[in-house]
Amino acid sequence: MTYSGAGDPLAQGQRVVAVLETGARTATYKLATLMALIDYSVEHLPAQPNDRLDVPLRDLAYRVIELYWHQVLPFEGRQLRQSTQPVARILRAVEELRAASGAARRGLALDIVKSRAPAAFQRATESVLVTLVRSLCTVCRNCLAARGESRSCMTTPGCTTR
């Protein structure tokens, strides 16, 4: 699975701003996803400015898990609330990964957990991946609706979410 956003950098920036402006502010995962995308993009700059940059969604999911890895630990004995939704899927996936790997209250590095509990890591990655894909499709639908278009996000030029 990849998302390809080749094209005019200004247009890409406008899309990011549109996501931030139109997205509901009910959870922190949108900012985590944006941070993961920026990090990936900086680490994998194309040779030419107009070259396409494919972002593997599994890599994006890993980066989001990595961002939340320490965030789900209790702070001063309390679990911080990072979503107004009744089910915060990404947070739950990371918490379940911590519990399954024995890292629920310890500062184990994510790479160590990945090797110690590969099945739990795979489940967490799949859960985060599904959430990210659903979110990307929602963003595409919202952007299309804002432009008065009714086609599916899979047919949007530049969107190759598969």
Protein backbone atom coordinates (compact mmCIF):
# COMPACT_ATOMS: atom_id res chain seq x y z
CA MET A 1 0.00 0.00 0.00
CA THR A 2 1.29 3.41 -0.88
CA TYR A 3 0.04 6.95 -1.08
CA SER A 4 1.45 9.01 -3.88
CA GLY A 5 1.26 12.75 -3.70
CA ALA A 6 3.30 13.81 -6.70
CA GLY A 7 2.60 17.26 -8.03
CA ASP A 8 2.88 20.91 -7.27
CA PRO A 9 4.32 21.48 -3.76
CA LEU A 10 2.03 24.47 -3.21
CA ALA A 11 -1.02 22.34 -4.07
CA GLN A 12 0.23 19.64 -1.70
CA GLY A 13 0.65 22.21 1.05
CA GLN A 14 -2.87 23.48 0.41
CA ARG A 15 -4.18 19.91 0.78
CA VAL A 16 -2.41 19.56 4.12
CA VAL A 17 -3.91 22.83 5.30
CA ALA A 18 -7.36 21.67 4.09
CA VAL A 19 -7.01 18.47 6.12
CA LEU A 20 -6.05 20.43 9.21
CA GLU A 21 -8.84 22.98 8.70
CA THR A 22 -11.65 20.57 7.83
CA GLY A 23 -10.74 17.65 10.05
CA ALA A 24 -12.56 17.19 13.30
CA ARG A 25 -10.37 17.93 16.29
CA THR A 26 -11.32 14.84 18.19
CA ALA A 27 -7.98 13.04 18.38
CA THR A 28 -4.24 13.56 18.13
CA TYR A 29 -3.61 10.93 15.45
CA LYS A 30 -3.99 13.40 12.56
CA LEU A 31 -1.05 15.41 13.83
CA ALA A 32 0.89 12.22 14.52
CA THR A 33 0.18 11.07 10.96
CA LEU A 34 1.27 14.44 9.58
CA MET A 35 4.48 14.30 11.64
CA ALA A 36 5.15 10.76 10.37
CA LEU A 37 4.57 11.88 6.77
CA ILE A 38 6.90 14.84 7.15
CA ASP A 39 9.62 12.68 8.74
CA TYR A 40 9.33 10.09 5.99
CA SER A 41 9.40 12.76 3.29
CA VAL A 42 12.49 14.42 4.72
CA GLU A 43 14.29 11.06 5.03
CA HIS A 44 13.37 10.02 1.47
CA LEU A 45 13.67 13.21 -0.55
CA PRO A 46 13.38 12.43 -4.26
CA ALA A 47 16.35 13.20 -6.48
CA GLN A 48 14.33 15.80 -8.38
CA PRO A 49 11.72 18.16 -6.88
CA ASN A 50 9.00 16.92 -9.25
CA ASP A 51 9.75 13.23 -8.72
CA ARG A 52 7.04 11.11 -7.18
CA LEU A 53 7.46 10.01 -3.57
CA ASP A 54 5.63 6.83 -2.65
CA VAL A 55 4.99 6.45 1.07
CA PRO A 56 4.55 2.84 2.17
CA LEU A 57 1.56 2.87 4.50
CA ARG A 58 3.11 0.15 6.68
CA ASP A 59 6.07 2.44 7.24
CA LEU A 60 3.67 5.26 8.06
CA ALA A 61 1.79 3.01 10.52
CA TYR A 62 5.09 2.06 12.21
CA ARG A 63 6.03 5.72 12.55
CA VAL A 64 2.63 6.55 14.10
CA ILE A 65 3.02 3.67 16.57
CA GLU A 66 6.50 4.97 17.37
CA LEU A 67 5.14 8.46 18.06
CA TYR A 68 2.51 7.08 20.44
CA TRP A 69 4.80 4.50 22.07
CA HIS A 70 5.69 6.74 25.02
CA GLN A 71 2.50 8.80 24.88
CA VAL A 72 0.32 5.94 26.09
CA LEU A 73 2.30 5.51 29.33
CA PRO A 74 0.52 6.91 32.38
CA PHE A 75 1.62 10.39 33.43
CA GLU A 76 1.77 10.94 37.18
CA GLY A 77 -0.36 7.86 37.65
CA ARG A 78 -3.01 8.88 35.12
CA GLN A 79 -3.75 7.87 31.55
CA LEU A 80 -3.81 11.02 29.43
CA ARG A 81 -6.86 11.40 27.25
CA GLN A 82 -5.87 11.98 23.64
CA SER A 83 -9.22 11.51 21.96
CA THR A 84 -12.78 12.58 22.55
CA GLN A 85 -13.98 9.48 20.71
CA PRO A 86 -15.25 6.51 22.73
CA VAL A 87 -12.86 4.22 20.85
CA ALA A 88 -9.40 5.57 20.11
CA ARG A 89 -8.24 2.75 17.83
CA ILE A 90 -4.62 3.80 17.45
CA LEU A 91 -4.16 4.43 21.15
CA ARG A 92 -5.83 1.14 21.98
CA ALA A 93 -3.61 -0.72 19.50
CA VAL A 94 -0.46 0.76 21.04
CA GLU A 95 -1.68 0.09 24.59
CA GLU A 96 -2.49 -3.52 23.65
CA LEU A 97 0.97 -3.90 22.10
CA ARG A 98 2.57 -2.62 25.30
CA ALA A 99 0.50 -5.03 27.39
CA ALA A 100 1.12 -8.06 25.13
CA SER A 101 4.87 -7.43 25.06
CA GLY A 102 5.25 -6.91 28.80
CA ALA A 103 6.15 -3.25 28.27
CA ALA A 104 2.95 -1.84 29.75
CA ARG A 105 4.73 0.23 32.40
CA ARG A 106 8.34 0.00 31.28
CA GLY A 107 10.45 2.02 28.93
CA LEU A 108 11.30 -0.71 26.44
CA ALA A 109 12.21 0.51 22.98
CA LEU A 110 9.69 -0.25 20.25
CA ASP A 111 12.29 -2.13 18.17
CA ILE A 112 12.92 -4.49 21.10
CA VAL A 113 9.19 -5.08 21.49
CA LYS A 114 8.91 -5.70 17.75
CA SER A 115 11.41 -8.56 18.03
CA ARG A 116 10.07 -9.94 21.34
CA ALA A 117 6.38 -9.92 20.41
CA PRO A 118 6.15 -10.07 16.60
CA ALA A 119 2.52 -11.27 16.52
CA ALA A 120 1.37 -8.47 18.82
CA PHE A 121 3.39 -5.97 16.81
CA GLN A 122 1.78 -7.23 13.59
CA ARG A 123 -1.73 -6.90 15.11
CA ALA A 124 -0.99 -3.35 16.26
CA THR A 125 0.44 -2.40 12.87
CA GLU A 126 -2.59 -3.82 11.05
CA SER A 127 -4.99 -1.97 13.35
CA VAL A 128 -3.16 1.34 12.88
CA LEU A 129 -2.90 0.72 9.14
CA VAL A 130 -6.64 0.16 8.78
CA THR A 131 -7.36 3.31 10.79
CA LEU A 132 -4.99 5.38 8.66
CA VAL A 133 -6.45 4.08 5.39
CA ARG A 134 -9.99 4.80 6.56
CA SER A 135 -8.91 8.28 7.58
CA LEU A 136 -7.22 8.91 4.23
CA CYS A 137 -10.40 7.85 2.42
CA THR A 138 -12.49 10.14 4.64
CA VAL A 139 -10.14 13.05 3.92
CA CYS A 140 -10.38 12.36 0.18
CA ARG A 141 -14.19 12.23 0.33
CA ASN A 142 -14.31 15.49 2.31
CA CYS A 143 -11.95 17.26 -0.11
CA LEU A 144 -13.96 16.00 -3.09
CA ALA A 145 -17.23 17.08 -1.49
CA ALA A 146 -15.79 20.53 -0.78
CA ARG A 147 -15.03 20.80 -4.49
CA GLY A 148 -18.52 19.61 -5.40
CA GLU A 149 -17.33 16.25 -6.75
CA SER A 150 -18.99 12.96 -5.97
CA ARG A 151 -16.49 10.36 -7.23
CA SER A 152 -14.74 7.96 -4.89
CA CYS A 153 -11.33 8.79 -3.48
CA MET A 154 -9.81 5.84 -5.34
CA THR A 155 -10.42 7.72 -8.61
CA THR A 156 -8.97 11.01 -7.43
CA PRO A 157 -5.86 11.97 -9.41
CA GLY A 158 -2.81 11.50 -7.22
CA CYS A 159 -4.58 9.28 -4.72
CA THR A 160 -3.33 5.74 -5.10
CA THR A 161 -4.38 4.43 -1.71
CA ARG A 162 -4.65 0.67 -2.14
